[in-house]
Amino acid sequence: MITCYDIIKTIVRTEKGTRLEPGRKYLFQVAKNVNKIEIKKAIEEIYKVKVQDVNTCIVTGKYKRVRQELGRTTPWKKAIVTLKEGHKIEVT
């Protein structure tokens, strides 16, 4: 049985993510095998808010070099969650 905490891995605290917060949008890193409906239910259960919309995309891994070796970071799935009017997630 997959739980809400298996679906939502972490909230993404980047410069772009903080610019979206006044518009009631939040960025989350989610599991790659879940759909928008499962993400919506997990956010509503964990944070006790109402979700209006969920947009997802796969972030491809970037090439990085460590000394002489060329490697690649792992790809991950990003969810942009829009909350309904009057709801807010308290992020510390």
PDB file of N, CA and C in Angstrom:
ATOM      1  N   MET A   1       0.841  -1.182   0.000  1.00  0.00           N
ATOM      2  CA  MET A   1       0.000   0.000   0.000  1.00  0.00           C
ATOM      3  C   MET A   1       0.877   1.233   0.000  1.00  0.00           C
ATOM      4  N   ILE A   2       0.650   2.118  -0.938  1.00  0.00           N
ATOM      5  CA  ILE A   2       1.421   3.354  -1.039  1.00  0.00           C
ATOM      6  C   ILE A   2       0.753   4.433  -0.179  1.00  0.00           C
ATOM      7  N   THR A   3       1.555   5.150   0.598  1.00  0.00           N
ATOM      8  CA  THR A   3       1.019   6.186   1.482  1.00  0.00           C
ATOM      9  C   THR A   3       1.229   7.560   0.872  1.00  0.00           C
ATOM     10  N   CYS A   4       0.656   8.561   1.515  1.00  0.00           N
ATOM     11  CA  CYS A   4       0.798   9.942   1.043  1.00  0.00           C
ATOM     12  C   CYS A   4       2.254  10.396   1.089  1.00  0.00           C
ATOM     13  N   TYR A   5       2.973   9.918   2.081  1.00  0.00           N
ATOM     14  CA  TYR A   5       4.363  10.324   2.240  1.00  0.00           C
ATOM     15  C   TYR A   5       5.280   9.624   1.244  1.00  0.00           C
ATOM     16  N   ASP A   6       4.812   8.542   0.638  1.00  0.00           N
ATOM     17  CA  ASP A   6       5.558   7.918  -0.456  1.00  0.00           C
ATOM     18  C   ASP A   6       5.345   8.678  -1.758  1.00  0.00           C
ATOM     19  N   ILE A   7       4.185   9.301  -1.913  1.00  0.00           N
ATOM     20  CA  ILE A   7       3.855  10.061  -3.125  1.00  0.00           C
ATOM     21  C   ILE A   7       4.585  11.394  -3.130  1.00  0.00           C
ATOM     22  N   ILE A   8       4.452  12.163  -2.048  1.00  0.00           N
ATOM     23  CA  ILE A   8       5.076  13.487  -1.941  1.00  0.00           C
ATOM     24  C   ILE A   8       6.420  13.316  -1.247  1.00  0.00           C
ATOM     25  N   LYS A   9       7.501  13.543  -1.987  1.00  0.00           N
ATOM     26  CA  LYS A   9       8.834  13.368  -1.403  1.00  0.00           C
ATOM     27  C   LYS A   9       9.262  14.612  -0.632  1.00  0.00           C
ATOM     28  N   THR A  10       9.175  15.789  -1.263  1.00  0.00           N
ATOM     29  CA  THR A  10       9.586  17.014  -0.594  1.00  0.00           C
ATOM     30  C   THR A  10       8.991  18.217  -1.311  1.00  0.00           C
ATOM     31  N   ILE A  11       8.930  19.330  -0.610  1.00  0.00           N
ATOM     32  CA  ILE A  11       8.557  20.592  -1.232  1.00  0.00           C
ATOM     33  C   ILE A  11       9.837  21.231  -1.751  1.00  0.00           C
ATOM     34  N   VAL A  12       9.791  21.775  -2.948  1.00  0.00           N
ATOM     35  CA  VAL A  12      10.988  22.325  -3.588  1.00  0.00           C
ATOM     36  C   VAL A  12      11.097  23.801  -3.216  1.00  0.00           C
ATOM     37  N   ARG A  13      12.154  24.139  -2.485  1.00  0.00           N
ATOM     38  CA  ARG A  13      12.370  25.513  -2.040  1.00  0.00           C
ATOM     39  C   ARG A  13      13.471  26.137  -2.892  1.00  0.00           C
ATOM     40  N   THR A  14      13.095  26.635  -4.069  1.00  0.00           N
ATOM     41  CA  THR A  14      14.033  27.304  -4.947  1.00  0.00           C
ATOM     42  C   THR A  14      13.557  28.731  -5.169  1.00  0.00           C
ATOM     43  N   GLU A  15      14.356  29.492  -5.885  1.00  0.00           N
ATOM     44  CA  GLU A  15      13.987  30.870  -6.170  1.00  0.00           C
ATOM     45  C   GLU A  15      12.713  30.926  -7.015  1.00  0.00           C
ATOM     46  N   LYS A  16      12.621  30.059  -8.000  1.00  0.00           N
ATOM     47  CA  LYS A  16      11.419  30.016  -8.821  1.00  0.00           C
ATOM     48  C   LYS A  16      10.207  29.584  -7.998  1.00  0.00           C
ATOM     49  N   GLY A  17      10.400  28.625  -7.109  1.00  0.00           N
ATOM     50  CA  GLY A  17       9.307  28.150  -6.281  1.00  0.00           C
ATOM     51  C   GLY A  17       8.761  29.204  -5.341  1.00  0.00           C
ATOM     52  N   THR A  18       9.631  30.043  -4.802  1.00  0.00           N
ATOM     53  CA  THR A  18       9.163  31.093  -3.902  1.00  0.00           C
ATOM     54  C   THR A  18       8.473  32.224  -4.658  1.00  0.00           C
ATOM     55  N   ARG A  19       8.815  32.427  -5.924  1.00  0.00           N
ATOM     56  CA  ARG A  19       8.109  33.443  -6.725  1.00  0.00           C
ATOM     57  C   ARG A  19       6.686  33.017  -7.040  1.00  0.00           C
ATOM     58  N   LEU A  20       6.403  31.721  -7.044  1.00  0.00           N
ATOM     59  CA  LEU A  20       5.069  31.221  -7.362  1.00  0.00           C
ATOM     60  C   LEU A  20       4.113  31.272  -6.179  1.00  0.00           C
ATOM     61  N   GLU A  21       4.638  31.363  -4.942  1.00  0.00           N
ATOM     62  CA  GLU A  21       3.799  31.286  -3.751  1.00  0.00           C
ATOM     63  C   GLU A  21       2.742  32.388  -3.646  1.00  0.00           C
ATOM     64  N   PRO A  22       3.009  33.644  -4.009  1.00  0.00           N
ATOM     65  CA  PRO A  22       1.923  34.635  -3.943  1.00  0.00           C
ATOM     66  C   PRO A  22       0.748  34.294  -4.859  1.00  0.00           C
ATOM     67  N   GLY A  23       0.974  33.518  -5.891  1.00  0.00           N
ATOM     68  CA  GLY A  23      -0.089  33.076  -6.781  1.00  0.00           C
ATOM     69  C   GLY A  23      -0.724  31.766  -6.340  1.00  0.00           C
ATOM     70  N   ARG A  24      -0.501  31.351  -5.078  1.00  0.00           N
ATOM     71  CA  ARG A  24      -1.058  30.126  -4.496  1.00  0.00           C
ATOM     72  C   ARG A  24      -0.536  28.877  -5.176  1.00  0.00           C
ATOM     73  N   LYS A  25       0.679  28.913  -5.740  1.00  0.00           N
ATOM     74  CA  LYS A  25       1.276  27.752  -6.393  1.00  0.00           C
ATOM     75  C   LYS A  25       2.499  27.298  -5.598  1.00  0.00           C
ATOM     76  N   TYR A  26       2.650  25.974  -5.486  1.00  0.00           N
ATOM     77  CA  TYR A  26       3.760  25.389  -4.751  1.00  0.00           C
ATOM     78  C   TYR A  26       4.365  24.269  -5.581  1.00  0.00           C
ATOM     79  N   LEU A  27       5.690  24.103  -5.480  1.00  0.00           N
ATOM     80  CA  LEU A  27       6.407  23.061  -6.212  1.00  0.00           C
ATOM     81  C   LEU A  27       6.711  21.893  -5.277  1.00  0.00           C
ATOM     82  N   PHE A  28       6.486  20.682  -5.771  1.00  0.00           N
ATOM     83  CA  PHE A  28       6.764  19.478  -5.003  1.00  0.00           C
ATOM     84  C   PHE A  28       7.530  18.489  -5.861  1.00  0.00           C
ATOM     85  N   GLN A  29       8.425  17.742  -5.234  1.00  0.00           N
ATOM     86  CA  GLN A  29       9.055  16.603  -5.890  1.00  0.00           C
ATOM     87  C   GLN A  29       8.225  15.392  -5.511  1.00  0.00           C
ATOM     88  N   VAL A  30       7.761  14.658  -6.520  1.00  0.00           N
ATOM     89  CA  VAL A  30       6.854  13.534  -6.287  1.00  0.00           C
ATOM     90  C   VAL A  30       7.435  12.266  -6.890  1.00  0.00           C
ATOM     91  N   ALA A  31       6.833  11.142  -6.548  1.00  0.00           N
ATOM     92  CA  ALA A  31       7.251   9.854  -7.111  1.00  0.00           C
ATOM     93  C   ALA A  31       6.927   9.830  -8.599  1.00  0.00           C
ATOM     94  N   LYS A  32       7.742   9.129  -9.374  1.00  0.00           N
ATOM     95  CA  LYS A  32       7.589   9.141 -10.831  1.00  0.00           C
ATOM     96  C   LYS A  32       6.394   8.347 -11.326  1.00  0.00           C
ATOM     97  N   ASN A  33       5.868   7.429 -10.538  1.00  0.00           N
ATOM     98  CA  ASN A  33       4.814   6.542 -11.016  1.00  0.00           C
ATOM     99  C   ASN A  33       3.412   6.937 -10.548  1.00  0.00           C
ATOM    100  N   VAL A  34       3.211   8.156 -10.082  1.00  0.00           N
ATOM    101  CA  VAL A  34       1.892   8.584  -9.598  1.00  0.00           C
ATOM    102  C   VAL A  34       1.263   9.547 -10.598  1.00  0.00           C
ATOM    103  N   ASN A  35      -0.077   9.656 -10.527  1.00  0.00           N
ATOM    104  CA  ASN A  35      -0.777  10.562 -11.426  1.00  0.00           C
ATOM    105  C   ASN A  35      -1.272  11.787 -10.660  1.00  0.00           C
ATOM    106  N   LYS A  36      -1.941  12.694 -11.370  1.00  0.00           N
ATOM    107  CA  LYS A  36      -2.369  13.964 -10.784  1.00  0.00           C
ATOM    108  C   LYS A  36      -3.415  13.778  -9.694  1.00  0.00           C
ATOM    109  N   ILE A  37      -4.290  12.811  -9.850  1.00  0.00           N
ATOM    110  CA  ILE A  37      -5.338  12.582  -8.853  1.00  0.00           C
ATOM    111  C   ILE A  37      -4.728  12.112  -7.537  1.00  0.00           C
ATOM    112  N   GLU A  38      -3.746  11.222  -7.600  1.00  0.00           N
ATOM    113  CA  GLU A  38      -3.079  10.756  -6.385  1.00  0.00           C
ATOM    114  C   GLU A  38      -2.298  11.878  -5.713  1.00  0.00           C
ATOM    115  N   ILE A  39      -1.678  12.746  -6.513  1.00  0.00           N
ATOM    116  CA  ILE A  39      -0.944  13.883  -5.952  1.00  0.00           C
ATOM    117  C   ILE A  39      -1.903  14.826  -5.247  1.00  0.00           C
ATOM    118  N   LYS A  40      -3.040  15.104  -5.852  1.00  0.00           N
ATOM    119  CA  LYS A  40      -4.038  15.998  -5.260  1.00  0.00           C
ATOM    120  C   LYS A  40      -4.529  15.458  -3.919  1.00  0.00           C
ATOM    121  N   LYS A  41      -4.860  14.176  -3.860  1.00  0.00           N
ATOM    122  CA  LYS A  41      -5.351  13.578  -2.617  1.00  0.00           C
ATOM    123  C   LYS A  41      -4.282  13.601  -1.534  1.00  0.00           C
ATOM    124  N   ALA A  42      -3.023  13.363  -1.908  1.00  0.00           N
ATOM    125  CA  ALA A  42      -1.935  13.348  -0.931  1.00  0.00           C
ATOM    126  C   ALA A  42      -1.687  14.736  -0.357  1.00  0.00           C
ATOM    127  N   ILE A  43      -1.698  15.767  -1.194  1.00  0.00           N
ATOM    128  CA  ILE A  43      -1.497  17.141  -0.722  1.00  0.00           C
ATOM    129  C   ILE A  43      -2.623  17.548   0.217  1.00  0.00           C
ATOM    130  N   GLU A  44      -3.854  17.222  -0.159  1.00  0.00           N
ATOM    131  CA  GLU A  44      -4.995  17.586   0.683  1.00  0.00           C
ATOM    132  C   GLU A  44      -4.948  16.870   2.025  1.00  0.00           C
ATOM    133  N   GLU A  45      -4.481  15.639   2.060  1.00  0.00           N
ATOM    134  CA  GLU A  45      -4.408  14.895   3.316  1.00  0.00           C
ATOM    135  C   GLU A  45      -3.258  15.364   4.194  1.00  0.00           C
ATOM    136  N   ILE A  46      -2.096  15.625   3.606  1.00  0.00           N
ATOM    137  CA  ILE A  46      -0.925  16.008   4.398  1.00  0.00           C
ATOM    138  C   ILE A  46      -1.056  17.428   4.938  1.00  0.00           C
ATOM    139  N   TYR A  47      -1.422  18.392   4.069  1.00  0.00           N
ATOM    140  CA  TYR A  47      -1.406  19.801   4.450  1.00  0.00           C
ATOM    141  C   TYR A  47      -2.769  20.359   4.833  1.00  0.00           C
ATOM    142  N   LYS A  48      -3.842  19.571   4.714  1.00  0.00           N
ATOM    143  CA  LYS A  48      -5.204  19.988   5.077  1.00  0.00           C
ATOM    144  C   LYS A  48      -5.626  21.254   4.345  1.00  0.00           C
ATOM    145  N   VAL A  49      -5.422  21.279   3.022  1.00  0.00           N
ATOM    146  CA  VAL A  49      -5.817  22.392   2.157  1.00  0.00           C
ATOM    147  C   VAL A  49      -6.633  21.834   0.995  1.00  0.00           C
ATOM    148  N   LYS A  50      -7.276  22.710   0.247  1.00  0.00           N
ATOM    149  CA  LYS A  50      -8.030  22.312  -0.940  1.00  0.00           C
ATOM    150  C   LYS A  50      -7.213  22.649  -2.180  1.00  0.00           C
ATOM    151  N   VAL A  51      -7.039  21.665  -3.066  1.00  0.00           N
ATOM    152  CA  VAL A  51      -6.239  21.830  -4.273  1.00  0.00           C
ATOM    153  C   VAL A  51      -7.158  22.136  -5.451  1.00  0.00           C
ATOM    154  N   GLN A  52      -6.814  23.165  -6.204  1.00  0.00           N
ATOM    155  CA  GLN A  52      -7.580  23.532  -7.388  1.00  0.00           C
ATOM    156  C   GLN A  52      -7.067  22.824  -8.632  1.00  0.00           C
ATOM    157  N   ASP A  53      -5.730  22.773  -8.814  1.00  0.00           N
ATOM    158  CA  ASP A  53      -5.163  22.229 -10.038  1.00  0.00           C
ATOM    159  C   ASP A  53      -3.792  21.637  -9.756  1.00  0.00           C
ATOM    160  N   VAL A  54      -3.427  20.627 -10.541  1.00  0.00           N
ATOM    161  CA  VAL A  54      -2.107  19.999 -10.447  1.00  0.00           C
ATOM    162  C   VAL A  54      -1.529  19.892 -11.849  1.00  0.00           C
ATOM    163  N   ASN A  55      -0.316  20.402 -12.045  1.00  0.00           N
ATOM    164  CA  ASN A  55       0.424  20.260 -13.297  1.00  0.00           C
ATOM    165  C   ASN A  55       1.709  19.502 -12.992  1.00  0.00           C
ATOM    166  N   THR A  56       2.064  18.563 -13.860  1.00  0.00           N
ATOM    167  CA  THR A  56       3.263  17.764 -13.633  1.00  0.00           C
ATOM    168  C   THR A  56       4.190  17.824 -14.836  1.00  0.00           C
ATOM    169  N   CYS A  57       5.472  17.582 -14.585  1.00  0.00           N
ATOM    170  CA  CYS A  57       6.445  17.461 -15.663  1.00  0.00           C
ATOM    171  C   CYS A  57       7.626  16.648 -15.153  1.00  0.00           C
ATOM    172  N   ILE A  58       8.313  16.017 -16.081  1.00  0.00           N
ATOM    173  CA  ILE A  58       9.511  15.250 -15.762  1.00  0.00           C
ATOM    174  C   ILE A  58      10.724  16.157 -15.992  1.00  0.00           C
ATOM    175  N   VAL A  59      11.541  16.326 -14.952  1.00  0.00           N
ATOM    176  CA  VAL A  59      12.761  17.117 -15.053  1.00  0.00           C
ATOM    177  C   VAL A  59      13.880  16.156 -15.420  1.00  0.00           C
ATOM    178  N   THR A  60      14.474  16.370 -16.585  1.00  0.00           N
ATOM    179  CA  THR A  60      15.526  15.471 -17.043  1.00  0.00           C
ATOM    180  C   THR A  60      16.813  15.692 -16.251  1.00  0.00           C
ATOM    181  N   GLY A  61      17.615  14.643 -16.148  1.00  0.00           N
ATOM    182  CA  GLY A  61      18.879  14.742 -15.440  1.00  0.00           C
ATOM    183  C   GLY A  61      19.887  15.575 -16.222  1.00  0.00           C
ATOM    184  N   LYS A  62      20.705  16.314 -15.503  1.00  0.00           N
ATOM    185  CA  LYS A  62      21.704  17.168 -16.136  1.00  0.00           C
ATOM    186  C   LYS A  62      23.069  16.494 -16.080  1.00  0.00           C
ATOM    187  N   TYR A  63      23.886  16.791 -17.056  1.00  0.00           N
ATOM    188  CA  TYR A  63      25.251  16.271 -17.065  1.00  0.00           C
ATOM    189  C   TYR A  63      26.105  17.096 -16.119  1.00  0.00           C
ATOM    190  N   LYS A  64      26.821  16.421 -15.233  1.00  0.00           N
ATOM    191  CA  LYS A  64      27.713  17.060 -14.272  1.00  0.00           C
ATOM    192  C   LYS A  64      29.075  16.397 -14.378  1.00  0.00           C
ATOM    193  N   ARG A  65      30.090  17.166 -14.077  1.00  0.00           N
ATOM    194  CA  ARG A  65      31.442  16.623 -14.109  1.00  0.00           C
ATOM    195  C   ARG A  65      32.030  16.697 -12.706  1.00  0.00           C
ATOM    196  N   VAL A  66      32.539  15.578 -12.228  1.00  0.00           N
ATOM    197  CA  VAL A  66      33.243  15.522 -10.956  1.00  0.00           C
ATOM    198  C   VAL A  66      34.668  15.091 -11.272  1.00  0.00           C
ATOM    199  N   ARG A  67      35.579  16.007 -11.125  1.00  0.00           N
ATOM    200  CA  ARG A  67      36.979  15.834 -11.531  1.00  0.00           C
ATOM    201  C   ARG A  67      37.039  15.483 -13.011  1.00  0.00           C
ATOM    202  N   GLN A  68      37.527  14.301 -13.360  1.00  0.00           N
ATOM    203  CA  GLN A  68      37.612  13.953 -14.774  1.00  0.00           C
ATOM    204  C   GLN A  68      36.413  13.122 -15.247  1.00  0.00           C
ATOM    205  N   GLU A  69      35.602  12.654 -14.347  1.00  0.00           N
ATOM    206  CA  GLU A  69      34.483  11.783 -14.688  1.00  0.00           C
ATOM    207  C   GLU A  69      33.241  12.598 -15.053  1.00  0.00           C
ATOM    208  N   LEU A  70      32.569  12.190 -16.116  1.00  0.00           N
ATOM    209  CA  LEU A  70      31.321  12.815 -16.526  1.00  0.00           C
ATOM    210  C   LEU A  70      30.174  11.934 -16.053  1.00  0.00           C
ATOM    211  N   GLY A  71      29.249  12.528 -15.331  1.00  0.00           N
ATOM    212  CA  GLY A  71      28.112  11.775 -14.811  1.00  0.00           C
ATOM    213  C   GLY A  71      26.818  12.519 -15.104  1.00  0.00           C
ATOM    214  N   ARG A  72      25.732  11.966 -14.616  1.00  0.00           N
ATOM    215  CA  ARG A  72      24.432  12.560 -14.868  1.00  0.00           C
ATOM    216  C   ARG A  72      23.587  12.464 -13.597  1.00  0.00           C
ATOM    217  N   THR A  73      22.865  13.533 -13.270  1.00  0.00           N
ATOM    218  CA  THR A  73      21.957  13.488 -12.137  1.00  0.00           C
ATOM    219  C   THR A  73      20.704  12.720 -12.544  1.00  0.00           C
ATOM    220  N   THR A  74      19.988  12.206 -11.575  1.00  0.00           N
ATOM    221  CA  THR A  74      18.818  11.389 -11.872  1.00  0.00           C
ATOM    222  C   THR A  74      17.627  12.270 -12.268  1.00  0.00           C
ATOM    223  N   PRO A  75      16.819  11.820 -13.220  1.00  0.00           N
ATOM    224  CA  PRO A  75      15.604  12.563 -13.559  1.00  0.00           C
ATOM    225  C   PRO A  75      14.561  12.413 -12.448  1.00  0.00           C
ATOM    226  N   TRP A  76      13.688  13.413 -12.290  1.00  0.00           N
ATOM    227  CA  TRP A  76      12.670  13.383 -11.247  1.00  0.00           C
ATOM    228  C   TRP A  76      11.400  14.054 -11.747  1.00  0.00           C
ATOM    229  N   LYS A  77      10.312  13.823 -11.043  1.00  0.00           N
ATOM    230  CA  LYS A  77       9.022  14.359 -11.440  1.00  0.00           C
ATOM    231  C   LYS A  77       8.669  15.540 -10.545  1.00  0.00           C
ATOM    232  N   LYS A  78       8.244  16.629 -11.178  1.00  0.00           N
ATOM    233  CA  LYS A  78       7.891  17.852 -10.464  1.00  0.00           C
ATOM    234  C   LYS A  78       6.395  18.090 -10.601  1.00  0.00           C
ATOM    235  N   ALA A  79       5.750  18.493  -9.504  1.00  0.00           N
ATOM    236  CA  ALA A  79       4.325  18.821  -9.521  1.00  0.00           C
ATOM    237  C   ALA A  79       4.156  20.272  -9.084  1.00  0.00           C
ATOM    238  N   ILE A  80       3.429  21.048  -9.892  1.00  0.00           N
ATOM    239  CA  ILE A  80       3.093  22.418  -9.545  1.00  0.00           C
ATOM    240  C   ILE A  80       1.633  22.399  -9.107  1.00  0.00           C
ATOM    241  N   VAL A  81       1.412  22.660  -7.813  1.00  0.00           N
ATOM    242  CA  VAL A  81       0.089  22.539  -7.220  1.00  0.00           C
ATOM    243  C   VAL A  81      -0.482  23.928  -6.979  1.00  0.00           C
ATOM    244  N   THR A  82      -1.684  24.190  -7.513  1.00  0.00           N
ATOM    245  CA  THR A  82      -2.382  25.448  -7.296  1.00  0.00           C
ATOM    246  C   THR A  82      -3.473  25.206  -6.266  1.00  0.00           C
ATOM    247  N   LEU A  83      -3.477  26.033  -5.213  1.00  0.00           N
ATOM    248  CA  LEU A  83      -4.471  25.898  -4.160  1.00  0.00           C
ATOM    249  C   LEU A  83      -5.674  26.783  -4.437  1.00  0.00           C
ATOM    250  N   LYS A  84      -6.797  26.438  -3.823  1.00  0.00           N
ATOM    251  CA  LYS A  84      -7.999  27.250  -3.961  1.00  0.00           C
ATOM    252  C   LYS A  84      -7.843  28.545  -3.179  1.00  0.00           C
ATOM    253  N   GLU A  85      -8.675  29.520  -3.503  1.00  0.00           N
ATOM    254  CA  GLU A  85      -8.636  30.845  -2.877  1.00  0.00           C
ATOM    255  C   GLU A  85      -8.812  30.716  -1.365  1.00  0.00           C
ATOM    256  N   GLY A  86      -7.945  31.380  -0.615  1.00  0.00           N
ATOM    257  CA  GLY A  86      -8.032  31.380   0.838  1.00  0.00           C
ATOM    258  C   GLY A  86      -7.208  30.296   1.521  1.00  0.00           C
ATOM    259  N   HIS A  87      -6.615  29.387   0.779  1.00  0.00           N
ATOM    260  CA  HIS A  87      -5.798  28.321   1.362  1.00  0.00           C
ATOM    261  C   HIS A  87      -4.322  28.640   1.164  1.00  0.00           C
ATOM    262  N   LYS A  88      -3.511  28.201   2.129  1.00  0.00           N
ATOM    263  CA  LYS A  88      -2.093  28.499   2.107  1.00  0.00           C
ATOM    264  C   LYS A  88      -1.349  27.398   2.849  1.00  0.00           C
ATOM    265  N   ILE A  89      -0.155  27.060   2.375  1.00  0.00           N
ATOM    266  CA  ILE A  89       0.707  26.099   3.053  1.00  0.00           C
ATOM    267  C   ILE A  89       1.774  26.871   3.804  1.00  0.00           C
ATOM    268  N   GLU A  90       1.876  26.617   5.110  1.00  0.00           N
ATOM    269  CA  GLU A  90       2.878  27.287   5.928  1.00  0.00           C
ATOM    270  C   GLU A  90       4.211  26.566   5.758  1.00  0.00           C
ATOM    271  N   VAL A  91       5.168  27.229   5.142  1.00  0.00           N
ATOM    272  CA  VAL A  91       6.476  26.660   4.876  1.00  0.00           C
ATOM    273  C   VAL A  91       7.488  27.334   5.768  1.00  0.00           C
ATOM    274  N   THR A  92       8.267  26.516   6.497  1.00  0.00           N
ATOM    275  CA  THR A  92       9.287  27.099   7.375  1.00  0.00           C
ATOM    276  C   THR A  92      10.663  26.837   6.846  1.00  0.00           C
TER     277      THR A  92
END
